[in-house]
Amino acid sequence: MGLVSIAATEANNVRYINGAKKAAEELGYEISVVDAAGSADQANAAIQNFAQRGAYAIVDLVFPASSIGAGLDAAKQANIPVVTWGGGLGLSVAATNGSGAPIAEPVIEKLIEDLGGKGELLVLAYRTGEVCRDREILLDKMLEPHPDIKVTKNEVRIPGYFEDGAQHANAWLASRPPGDEKLAIWGCWDDPAIGAIGSLRSQGRDDVMVYGVNGNAQALENIKNGHMNATAWQDSFSEGYNMVKLLADIKKEDWQPKAVEIPAVLVTKETVEDFLKQHPEAAQ
């Protein structure tokens, strides 16, 4: 099986890949991973290569279906199913899970609640990936009834999201000294927000609330230590495992494309200890 990742060393991608590998091993298949490093061109080339090699199936991590059309066409011509994690349905995609917006919703609700409907918010966005794009759209929609929350948006790169998160936070903080107004930073996934935490700690700023999405081990540790307010834990290992297990059914002629989602779990400073007791694997 071929697997094309947007960032194969990012924690949530790693968990998904490990789940996919475990399921593939149980089914007697080997998974070959290509890190496209945020490049849709590299993702298309990788999918086309897997199609030429006659892969059993191809898994796309995060690249939206609309950006991998050439790869999807090559796979369709070779009669090889393509499934996506966070890439959505569309074109010839057979199934998807890990969709961005549903996973982000609980943590966005928590962010708005903690701000009390007013304050300043730094958004660390990434618009090349379907997941972050959908999360940003949802954030905008949920913020519409709260015009007193002033939003600044900056986009991070892949690779480079830790560094970009720190730099954007530094620039934003420079004109926002501690005061009466509530301040918050939201990353469309955990890692840019964790980069921003580095800047907050170096400046001794404990007046800024920080939120992420995905619930990677570093984020959970930051919540435990009081440096992050909340994240939404995504069980990406199970998403990878379940998707690969589904491929046998997808190969059948009567398969209809669909989403097979696993709900996210909101983790906060108040709930992190109990969460880790229930999901000790999340800290790995």
C-alpha atoms as a PDB file:
ATOM      1  CA  MET A   1       0.000   0.000   0.000  1.00  0.00           C
ATOM      2  CA  GLY A   2       1.212   3.491  -0.747  1.00  0.00           C
ATOM      3  CA  LEU A   3       0.833   6.266   1.806  1.00  0.00           C
ATOM      4  CA  VAL A   4       1.504   9.923   0.951  1.00  0.00           C
ATOM      5  CA  SER A   5       1.882  12.230   3.959  1.00  0.00           C
ATOM      6  CA  ILE A   6       1.836  16.018   4.048  1.00  0.00           C
ATOM      7  CA  ALA A   7       4.378  15.947   6.928  1.00  0.00           C
ATOM      8  CA  ALA A   8       5.479  12.432   7.874  1.00  0.00           C
ATOM      9  CA  THR A   9       7.361  13.502  11.018  1.00  0.00           C
ATOM     10  CA  GLU A  10       4.515  15.595  12.496  1.00  0.00           C
ATOM     11  CA  ALA A  11       3.140  13.845  15.596  1.00  0.00           C
ATOM     12  CA  ASN A  12      -0.444  13.318  14.426  1.00  0.00           C
ATOM     13  CA  ASN A  13       0.702  12.067  11.006  1.00  0.00           C
ATOM     14  CA  VAL A  14       3.051   9.651  12.782  1.00  0.00           C
ATOM     15  CA  ARG A  15       0.205   8.233  14.882  1.00  0.00           C
ATOM     16  CA  TYR A  16      -1.975   7.751  11.801  1.00  0.00           C
ATOM     17  CA  ILE A  17       0.867   6.090   9.896  1.00  0.00           C
ATOM     18  CA  ASN A  18       1.543   3.723  12.819  1.00  0.00           C
ATOM     19  CA  GLY A  19      -2.133   2.744  12.962  1.00  0.00           C
ATOM     20  CA  ALA A  20      -2.172   2.150   9.200  1.00  0.00           C
ATOM     21  CA  LYS A  21       0.994   0.048   9.410  1.00  0.00           C
ATOM     22  CA  LYS A  22      -0.450  -2.124  12.183  1.00  0.00           C
ATOM     23  CA  ALA A  23      -3.622  -2.817  10.175  1.00  0.00           C
ATOM     24  CA  ALA A  24      -1.612  -3.473   7.002  1.00  0.00           C
ATOM     25  CA  GLU A  25       0.619  -5.944   8.842  1.00  0.00           C
ATOM     26  CA  GLU A  26      -2.441  -7.823  10.104  1.00  0.00           C
ATOM     27  CA  LEU A  27      -3.752  -7.979   6.520  1.00  0.00           C
ATOM     28  CA  GLY A  28      -0.387  -9.135   5.136  1.00  0.00           C
ATOM     29  CA  TYR A  29       0.531  -5.921   3.316  1.00  0.00           C
ATOM     30  CA  GLU A  30       3.500  -3.596   3.566  1.00  0.00           C
ATOM     31  CA  ILE A  31       3.047   0.180   3.646  1.00  0.00           C
ATOM     32  CA  SER A  32       5.467   2.396   1.739  1.00  0.00           C
ATOM     33  CA  VAL A  33       5.457   6.006   3.046  1.00  0.00           C
ATOM     34  CA  VAL A  34       6.345   9.101   1.010  1.00  0.00           C
ATOM     35  CA  ASP A  35       6.755  12.450   2.786  1.00  0.00           C
ATOM     36  CA  ALA A  36       5.516  15.117   0.363  1.00  0.00           C
ATOM     37  CA  ALA A  37       6.691  17.888   2.743  1.00  0.00           C
ATOM     38  CA  GLY A  38       3.656  20.088   2.143  1.00  0.00           C
ATOM     39  CA  SER A  39       3.974  19.996  -1.659  1.00  0.00           C
ATOM     40  CA  ALA A  40       0.892  19.028  -3.692  1.00  0.00           C
ATOM     41  CA  ASP A  41       3.151  18.490  -6.728  1.00  0.00           C
ATOM     42  CA  GLN A  42       5.186  15.935  -4.786  1.00  0.00           C
ATOM     43  CA  ALA A  43       1.977  14.302  -3.551  1.00  0.00           C
ATOM     44  CA  ASN A  44       0.649  13.949  -7.110  1.00  0.00           C
ATOM     45  CA  ALA A  45       3.949  12.509  -8.301  1.00  0.00           C
ATOM     46  CA  ALA A  46       3.990  10.004  -5.427  1.00  0.00           C
ATOM     47  CA  ILE A  47       0.419   8.847  -6.074  1.00  0.00           C
ATOM     48  CA  GLN A  48       1.154   8.478  -9.785  1.00  0.00           C
ATOM     49  CA  ASN A  49       4.249   6.439  -8.916  1.00  0.00           C
ATOM     50  CA  PHE A  50       2.283   4.156  -6.603  1.00  0.00           C
ATOM     51  CA  ALA A  51      -0.318   3.700  -9.362  1.00  0.00           C
ATOM     52  CA  GLN A  52       2.395   2.726 -11.854  1.00  0.00           C
ATOM     53  CA  ARG A  53       3.779   0.236  -9.330  1.00  0.00           C
ATOM     54  CA  GLY A  54       0.356  -1.403  -8.980  1.00  0.00           C
ATOM     55  CA  ALA A  55      -0.237  -0.641  -5.300  1.00  0.00           C
ATOM     56  CA  TYR A  56      -3.113  -2.437  -3.564  1.00  0.00           C
ATOM     57  CA  ALA A  57      -4.442   0.949  -2.385  1.00  0.00           C
ATOM     58  CA  ILE A  58      -3.216   4.504  -1.753  1.00  0.00           C
ATOM     59  CA  VAL A  59      -3.739   6.626   1.359  1.00  0.00           C
ATOM     60  CA  ASP A  60      -3.510  10.441   1.149  1.00  0.00           C
ATOM     61  CA  LEU A  61      -2.797  12.333   4.362  1.00  0.00           C
ATOM     62  CA  VAL A  62      -4.321  15.837   4.468  1.00  0.00           C
ATOM     63  CA  PHE A  63      -3.889  16.986   0.835  1.00  0.00           C
ATOM     64  CA  PRO A  64      -7.365  17.971  -0.404  1.00  0.00           C
ATOM     65  CA  ALA A  65      -8.821  15.882  -3.216  1.00  0.00           C
ATOM     66  CA  SER A  66      -8.928  19.010  -5.384  1.00  0.00           C
ATOM     67  CA  SER A  67      -5.113  19.355  -5.221  1.00  0.00           C
ATOM     68  CA  ILE A  68      -4.270  15.735  -6.106  1.00  0.00           C
ATOM     69  CA  GLY A  69      -6.398  15.420  -9.245  1.00  0.00           C
ATOM     70  CA  ALA A  70      -3.547  14.127 -11.414  1.00  0.00           C
ATOM     71  CA  GLY A  71      -2.719  11.441  -8.887  1.00  0.00           C
ATOM     72  CA  LEU A  72      -6.347  10.461  -8.422  1.00  0.00           C
ATOM     73  CA  ASP A  73      -6.776  10.158 -12.180  1.00  0.00           C
ATOM     74  CA  ALA A  74      -3.737   7.882 -12.470  1.00  0.00           C
ATOM     75  CA  ALA A  75      -5.014   5.701  -9.635  1.00  0.00           C
ATOM     76  CA  LYS A  76      -8.495   5.546 -11.164  1.00  0.00           C
ATOM     77  CA  GLN A  77      -7.054   4.446 -14.523  1.00  0.00           C
ATOM     78  CA  ALA A  78      -5.160   1.679 -12.702  1.00  0.00           C
ATOM     79  CA  ASN A  79      -8.307   0.721 -10.727  1.00  0.00           C
ATOM     80  CA  ILE A  80      -6.581   1.458  -7.400  1.00  0.00           C
ATOM     81  CA  PRO A  81      -8.716   2.975  -4.604  1.00  0.00           C
ATOM     82  CA  VAL A  82      -7.530   6.173  -2.916  1.00  0.00           C
ATOM     83  CA  VAL A  83      -8.665   7.092   0.593  1.00  0.00           C
ATOM     84  CA  THR A  84      -7.902  10.317   2.446  1.00  0.00           C
ATOM     85  CA  TRP A  85      -7.243  11.377   6.006  1.00  0.00           C
ATOM     86  CA  GLY A  86      -8.449  14.945   6.310  1.00  0.00           C
ATOM     87  CA  GLY A  87      -8.489  15.344   2.529  1.00  0.00           C
ATOM     88  CA  GLY A  88     -12.246  15.086   2.165  1.00  0.00           C
ATOM     89  CA  LEU A  89     -14.377  13.304  -0.393  1.00  0.00           C
ATOM     90  CA  GLY A  90     -14.414  14.371  -4.013  1.00  0.00           C
ATOM     91  CA  LEU A  91     -13.368  13.246  -7.481  1.00  0.00           C
ATOM     92  CA  SER A  92     -12.635   9.509  -7.157  1.00  0.00           C
ATOM     93  CA  VAL A  93     -11.841   9.374  -3.402  1.00  0.00           C
ATOM     94  CA  ALA A  94     -13.379   6.222  -1.918  1.00  0.00           C
ATOM     95  CA  ALA A  95     -13.489   7.180   1.774  1.00  0.00           C
ATOM     96  CA  THR A  96     -12.284   9.812   4.231  1.00  0.00           C
ATOM     97  CA  ASN A  97     -11.873  10.360   7.946  1.00  0.00           C
ATOM     98  CA  GLY A  98     -10.077  12.842  10.187  1.00  0.00           C
ATOM     99  CA  SER A  99     -12.069  15.717   8.686  1.00  0.00           C
ATOM    100  CA  GLY A 100     -10.835  18.995  10.108  1.00  0.00           C
ATOM    101  CA  ALA A 101     -13.904  20.959  11.137  1.00  0.00           C
ATOM    102  CA  PRO A 102     -15.705  18.409  13.371  1.00  0.00           C
ATOM    103  CA  ILE A 103     -12.515  17.741  15.332  1.00  0.00           C
ATOM    104  CA  ALA A 104     -11.843  21.445  15.933  1.00  0.00           C
ATOM    105  CA  GLU A 105     -15.352  22.435  17.006  1.00  0.00           C
ATOM    106  CA  PRO A 106     -15.115  21.613  20.746  1.00  0.00           C
ATOM    107  CA  VAL A 107     -11.859  23.495  21.245  1.00  0.00           C
ATOM    108  CA  ILE A 108     -13.132  26.547  19.328  1.00  0.00           C
ATOM    109  CA  GLU A 109     -16.208  26.575  21.585  1.00  0.00           C
ATOM    110  CA  LYS A 110     -13.894  26.490  24.614  1.00  0.00           C
ATOM    111  CA  LEU A 111     -11.762  29.333  23.215  1.00  0.00           C
ATOM    112  CA  ILE A 112     -14.774  31.611  22.663  1.00  0.00           C
ATOM    113  CA  GLU A 113     -16.144  30.765  26.101  1.00  0.00           C
ATOM    114  CA  ASP A 114     -12.814  31.557  27.794  1.00  0.00           C
ATOM    115  CA  LEU A 115     -12.503  34.882  25.963  1.00  0.00           C
ATOM    116  CA  GLY A 116     -15.987  35.809  27.134  1.00  0.00           C
ATOM    117  CA  GLY A 117     -16.898  37.103  23.683  1.00  0.00           C
ATOM    118  CA  LYS A 118     -14.215  39.825  23.520  1.00  0.00           C
ATOM    119  CA  GLY A 119     -10.467  40.232  23.317  1.00  0.00           C
ATOM    120  CA  GLU A 120      -7.716  39.647  20.759  1.00  0.00           C
ATOM    121  CA  LEU A 121      -6.943  36.400  18.967  1.00  0.00           C
ATOM    122  CA  LEU A 122      -3.908  35.347  16.949  1.00  0.00           C
ATOM    123  CA  VAL A 123      -4.767  32.601  14.442  1.00  0.00           C
ATOM    124  CA  LEU A 124      -1.939  30.417  13.149  1.00  0.00           C
ATOM    125  CA  ALA A 125      -3.329  29.060   9.889  1.00  0.00           C
ATOM    126  CA  TYR A 126      -2.222  26.721   7.088  1.00  0.00           C
ATOM    127  CA  ARG A 127      -4.274  26.869   3.906  1.00  0.00           C
ATOM    128  CA  THR A 128      -2.563  24.260   1.714  1.00  0.00           C
ATOM    129  CA  GLY A 129      -4.070  21.402   3.729  1.00  0.00           C
ATOM    130  CA  GLU A 130      -7.790  20.618   3.686  1.00  0.00           C
ATOM    131  CA  VAL A 131      -7.856  20.004   7.439  1.00  0.00           C
ATOM    132  CA  CYS A 132      -6.566  23.437   8.482  1.00  0.00           C
ATOM    133  CA  ARG A 133      -8.554  25.195   5.791  1.00  0.00           C
ATOM    134  CA  ASP A 134     -11.796  23.644   7.030  1.00  0.00           C
ATOM    135  CA  ARG A 135     -10.891  24.430  10.641  1.00  0.00           C
ATOM    136  CA  GLU A 136     -10.254  28.082   9.792  1.00  0.00           C
ATOM    137  CA  ILE A 137     -13.600  28.326   7.963  1.00  0.00           C
ATOM    138  CA  LEU A 138     -15.354  26.865  11.002  1.00  0.00           C
ATOM    139  CA  LEU A 139     -13.508  29.267  13.319  1.00  0.00           C
ATOM    140  CA  ASP A 140     -14.620  32.242  11.194  1.00  0.00           C
ATOM    141  CA  LYS A 141     -18.214  31.040  11.270  1.00  0.00           C
ATOM    142  CA  MET A 142     -18.209  30.500  15.032  1.00  0.00           C
ATOM    143  CA  LEU A 143     -16.642  33.924  15.609  1.00  0.00           C
ATOM    144  CA  GLU A 144     -19.290  35.768  13.543  1.00  0.00           C
ATOM    145  CA  PRO A 145     -21.604  36.357  16.537  1.00  0.00           C
ATOM    146  CA  HIS A 146     -18.636  37.795  18.498  1.00  0.00           C
ATOM    147  CA  PRO A 147     -17.473  40.949  16.673  1.00  0.00           C
ATOM    148  CA  ASP A 148     -15.632  42.145  19.793  1.00  0.00           C
ATOM    149  CA  ILE A 149     -13.034  39.405  19.333  1.00  0.00           C
ATOM    150  CA  LYS A 150     -10.395  41.046  17.130  1.00  0.00           C
ATOM    151  CA  VAL A 151      -8.602  38.513  14.942  1.00  0.00           C
ATOM    152  CA  THR A 152      -5.093  38.591  13.466  1.00  0.00           C
ATOM    153  CA  LYS A 153      -4.210  35.781  11.042  1.00  0.00           C
ATOM    154  CA  ASN A 154      -0.789  34.491  10.031  1.00  0.00           C
ATOM    155  CA  GLU A 155      -0.003  31.441   7.939  1.00  0.00           C
ATOM    156  CA  VAL A 156       2.711  28.936   8.872  1.00  0.00           C
ATOM    157  CA  ARG A 157       4.725  26.742   6.530  1.00  0.00           C
ATOM    158  CA  ILE A 158       5.366  23.009   6.265  1.00  0.00           C
ATOM    159  CA  PRO A 159       8.153  22.433   7.144  1.00  0.00           C
ATOM    160  CA  GLY A 160       8.846  25.302   9.525  1.00  0.00           C
ATOM    161  CA  TYR A 161       5.633  25.453  11.565  1.00  0.00           C
ATOM    162  CA  PHE A 162       7.299  25.550  15.012  1.00  0.00           C
ATOM    163  CA  GLU A 163       9.574  28.419  13.991  1.00  0.00           C
ATOM    164  CA  ASP A 164       6.769  30.298  12.227  1.00  0.00           C
ATOM    165  CA  GLY A 165       4.468  29.934  15.232  1.00  0.00           C
ATOM    166  CA  ALA A 166       7.160  31.445  17.460  1.00  0.00           C
ATOM    167  CA  GLN A 167       7.946  34.307  15.069  1.00  0.00           C
ATOM    168  CA  HIS A 168       4.311  35.239  14.471  1.00  0.00           C
ATOM    169  CA  ALA A 169       3.667  35.180  18.214  1.00  0.00           C
ATOM    170  CA  ASN A 170       6.686  37.426  18.859  1.00  0.00           C
ATOM    171  CA  ALA A 171       5.484  40.001  16.326  1.00  0.00           C
ATOM    172  CA  TRP A 172       1.912  39.902  17.647  1.00  0.00           C
ATOM    173  CA  LEU A 173       2.964  40.191  21.300  1.00  0.00           C
ATOM    174  CA  ALA A 174       5.185  43.215  20.585  1.00  0.00           C
ATOM    175  CA  SER A 175       2.173  45.508  20.279  1.00  0.00           C
ATOM    176  CA  ARG A 176       0.084  43.778  22.956  1.00  0.00           C
ATOM    177  CA  PRO A 177       1.598  44.221  26.408  1.00  0.00           C
ATOM    178  CA  PRO A 178      -0.090  42.643  29.421  1.00  0.00           C
ATOM    179  CA  GLY A 179      -3.221  44.565  30.339  1.00  0.00           C
ATOM    180  CA  ASP A 180      -6.944  44.327  30.876  1.00  0.00           C
ATOM    181  CA  GLU A 181      -7.794  42.855  27.466  1.00  0.00           C
ATOM    182  CA  LYS A 182      -7.957  39.088  27.111  1.00  0.00           C
ATOM    183  CA  LEU A 183      -5.463  37.590  24.638  1.00  0.00           C
ATOM    184  CA  ALA A 184      -5.452  34.154  23.001  1.00  0.00           C
ATOM    185  CA  ILE A 185      -3.539  32.179  20.370  1.00  0.00           C
ATOM    186  CA  TRP A 186      -5.130  29.380  18.325  1.00  0.00           C
ATOM    187  CA  GLY A 187      -3.226  26.978  16.106  1.00  0.00           C
ATOM    188  CA  CYS A 188      -5.123  25.068  13.439  1.00  0.00           C
ATOM    189  CA  TRP A 189      -3.149  22.131  14.798  1.00  0.00           C
ATOM    190  CA  ASP A 190      -1.068  21.835  17.960  1.00  0.00           C
ATOM    191  CA  ASP A 191       2.444  22.377  16.646  1.00  0.00           C
ATOM    192  CA  PRO A 192       2.252  26.056  15.572  1.00  0.00           C
ATOM    193  CA  ALA A 193       0.634  26.822  18.939  1.00  0.00           C
ATOM    194  CA  ILE A 194       3.468  24.963  20.699  1.00  0.00           C
ATOM    195  CA  GLY A 195       5.931  27.120  18.757  1.00  0.00           C
ATOM    196  CA  ALA A 196       4.076  30.177  20.050  1.00  0.00           C
ATOM    197  CA  ILE A 197       4.323  28.852  23.621  1.00  0.00           C
ATOM    198  CA  GLY A 198       8.113  29.020  23.291  1.00  0.00           C
ATOM    199  CA  SER A 199       7.839  32.762  22.648  1.00  0.00           C
ATOM    200  CA  LEU A 200       5.400  33.261  25.515  1.00  0.00           C
ATOM    201  CA  ARG A 201       7.674  31.468  27.968  1.00  0.00           C
ATOM    202  CA  SER A 202      10.814  33.293  26.829  1.00  0.00           C
ATOM    203  CA  GLN A 203       9.027  36.608  27.442  1.00  0.00           C
ATOM    204  CA  GLY A 204       7.465  35.538  30.721  1.00  0.00           C
ATOM    205  CA  ARG A 205       3.971  36.080  29.312  1.00  0.00           C
ATOM    206  CA  ASP A 206       1.429  34.095  31.318  1.00  0.00           C
ATOM    207  CA  ASP A 207      -1.477  36.348  30.338  1.00  0.00           C
ATOM    208  CA  VAL A 208      -2.117  34.694  26.937  1.00  0.00           C
ATOM    209  CA  MET A 209      -4.399  31.666  26.534  1.00  0.00           C
ATOM    210  CA  VAL A 210      -3.273  29.028  24.014  1.00  0.00           C
ATOM    211  CA  TYR A 211      -5.344  26.471  22.111  1.00  0.00           C
ATOM    212  CA  GLY A 212      -4.482  23.739  19.621  1.00  0.00           C
ATOM    213  CA  VAL A 213      -6.112  20.835  17.808  1.00  0.00           C
ATOM    214  CA  ASN A 214      -5.130  17.125  17.483  1.00  0.00           C
ATOM    215  CA  GLY A 215      -3.966  16.438  21.060  1.00  0.00           C
ATOM    216  CA  ASN A 216      -0.402  15.325  20.407  1.00  0.00           C
ATOM    217  CA  ALA A 217       1.820  14.326  23.330  1.00  0.00           C
ATOM    218  CA  GLN A 218       3.597  17.697  23.471  1.00  0.00           C
ATOM    219  CA  ALA A 219       0.274  19.537  23.637  1.00  0.00           C
ATOM    220  CA  LEU A 220      -0.979  17.306  26.448  1.00  0.00           C
ATOM    221  CA  GLU A 221       2.265  17.892  28.358  1.00  0.00           C
ATOM    222  CA  ASN A 222       1.884  21.652  27.887  1.00  0.00           C
ATOM    223  CA  ILE A 223      -1.684  21.486  29.209  1.00  0.00           C
ATOM    224  CA  LYS A 224      -0.488  19.512  32.256  1.00  0.00           C
ATOM    225  CA  ASN A 225       2.201  22.111  32.908  1.00  0.00           C
ATOM    226  CA  GLY A 226      -0.191  25.038  32.542  1.00  0.00           C
ATOM    227  CA  HIS A 227       1.242  26.439  29.294  1.00  0.00           C
ATOM    228  CA  MET A 228      -1.730  25.524  27.060  1.00  0.00           C
ATOM    229  CA  ASN A 229      -5.423  25.852  27.832  1.00  0.00           C
ATOM    230  CA  ALA A 230      -7.021  23.199  25.653  1.00  0.00           C
ATOM    231  CA  THR A 231      -6.741  20.915  22.656  1.00  0.00           C
ATOM    232  CA  ALA A 232      -9.068  18.481  20.901  1.00  0.00           C
ATOM    233  CA  TRP A 233      -7.553  14.988  20.960  1.00  0.00           C
ATOM    234  CA  GLN A 234      -7.819  13.167  17.663  1.00  0.00           C
ATOM    235  CA  ASP A 235      -7.472   9.380  17.842  1.00  0.00           C
ATOM    236  CA  SER A 236      -5.401   9.310  14.671  1.00  0.00           C
ATOM    237  CA  PHE A 237      -3.912   5.867  15.387  1.00  0.00           C
ATOM    238  CA  SER A 238      -7.428   4.365  15.255  1.00  0.00           C
ATOM    239  CA  GLU A 239      -8.249   6.466  12.193  1.00  0.00           C
ATOM    240  CA  GLY A 240      -5.273   5.016  10.322  1.00  0.00           C
ATOM    241  CA  TYR A 241      -5.987   1.503  11.550  1.00  0.00           C
ATOM    242  CA  ASN A 242      -9.709   1.627  10.708  1.00  0.00           C
ATOM    243  CA  MET A 243      -9.167   3.108   7.258  1.00  0.00           C
ATOM    244  CA  VAL A 244      -6.727   0.413   6.165  1.00  0.00           C
ATOM    245  CA  LYS A 245      -9.018  -2.294   7.572  1.00  0.00           C
ATOM    246  CA  LEU A 246     -11.833  -0.798   5.479  1.00  0.00           C
ATOM    247  CA  LEU A 247      -9.913  -1.188   2.219  1.00  0.00           C
ATOM    248  CA  ALA A 248     -11.036  -4.790   1.679  1.00  0.00           C
ATOM    249  CA  ASP A 249     -14.655  -3.580   1.593  1.00  0.00           C
ATOM    250  CA  ILE A 250     -13.716  -0.580  -0.553  1.00  0.00           C
ATOM    251  CA  LYS A 251     -12.253  -2.916  -3.179  1.00  0.00           C
ATOM    252  CA  LYS A 252     -15.686  -4.487  -3.666  1.00  0.00           C
ATOM    253  CA  GLU A 253     -17.681  -3.322  -6.683  1.00  0.00           C
ATOM    254  CA  ASP A 254     -20.725  -2.052  -4.735  1.00  0.00           C
ATOM    255  CA  TRP A 255     -18.760   0.355  -2.489  1.00  0.00           C
ATOM    256  CA  GLN A 256     -20.152   3.880  -2.160  1.00  0.00           C
ATOM    257  CA  PRO A 257     -17.838   6.750  -1.086  1.00  0.00           C
ATOM    258  CA  LYS A 258     -18.405   7.898   2.502  1.00  0.00           C
ATOM    259  CA  ALA A 259     -16.883   9.483   5.608  1.00  0.00           C
ATOM    260  CA  VAL A 260     -16.005   7.224   8.547  1.00  0.00           C
ATOM    261  CA  GLU A 261     -15.254   9.701  11.338  1.00  0.00           C
ATOM    262  CA  ILE A 262     -14.104   9.188  14.943  1.00  0.00           C
ATOM    263  CA  PRO A 263     -15.249  12.006  17.305  1.00  0.00           C
ATOM    264  CA  ALA A 264     -12.631  14.202  19.013  1.00  0.00           C
ATOM    265  CA  VAL A 265     -12.222  14.575  22.791  1.00  0.00           C
ATOM    266  CA  LEU A 266     -11.790  18.036  24.334  1.00  0.00           C
ATOM    267  CA  VAL A 267      -8.849  18.081  26.783  1.00  0.00           C
ATOM    268  CA  THR A 268      -8.419  21.007  29.194  1.00  0.00           C
ATOM    269  CA  LYS A 269      -6.338  21.816  32.274  1.00  0.00           C
ATOM    270  CA  GLU A 270      -9.224  20.500  34.361  1.00  0.00           C
ATOM    271  CA  THR A 271      -9.612  17.186  32.506  1.00  0.00           C
ATOM    272  CA  VAL A 272      -6.094  16.291  31.336  1.00  0.00           C
ATOM    273  CA  GLU A 273      -5.199  14.037  34.283  1.00  0.00           C
ATOM    274  CA  ASP A 274      -8.358  11.923  33.943  1.00  0.00           C
ATOM    275  CA  PHE A 275      -7.947  11.862  30.157  1.00  0.00           C
ATOM    276  CA  LEU A 276      -4.404  10.464  30.416  1.00  0.00           C
ATOM    277  CA  LYS A 277      -5.586   7.770  32.840  1.00  0.00           C
ATOM    278  CA  GLN A 278      -8.153   6.682  30.259  1.00  0.00           C
ATOM    279  CA  HIS A 279      -5.794   7.092  27.260  1.00  0.00           C
ATOM    280  CA  PRO A 280      -2.217   6.539  28.435  1.00  0.00           C
ATOM    281  CA  GLU A 281      -1.175   5.880  24.831  1.00  0.00           C
ATOM    282  CA  ALA A 282      -1.883   9.551  24.021  1.00  0.00           C
ATOM    283  CA  ALA A 283       1.212  10.602  25.987  1.00  0.00           C
ATOM    284  CA  GLN A 284       3.532   8.492  23.810  1.00  0.00           C
END
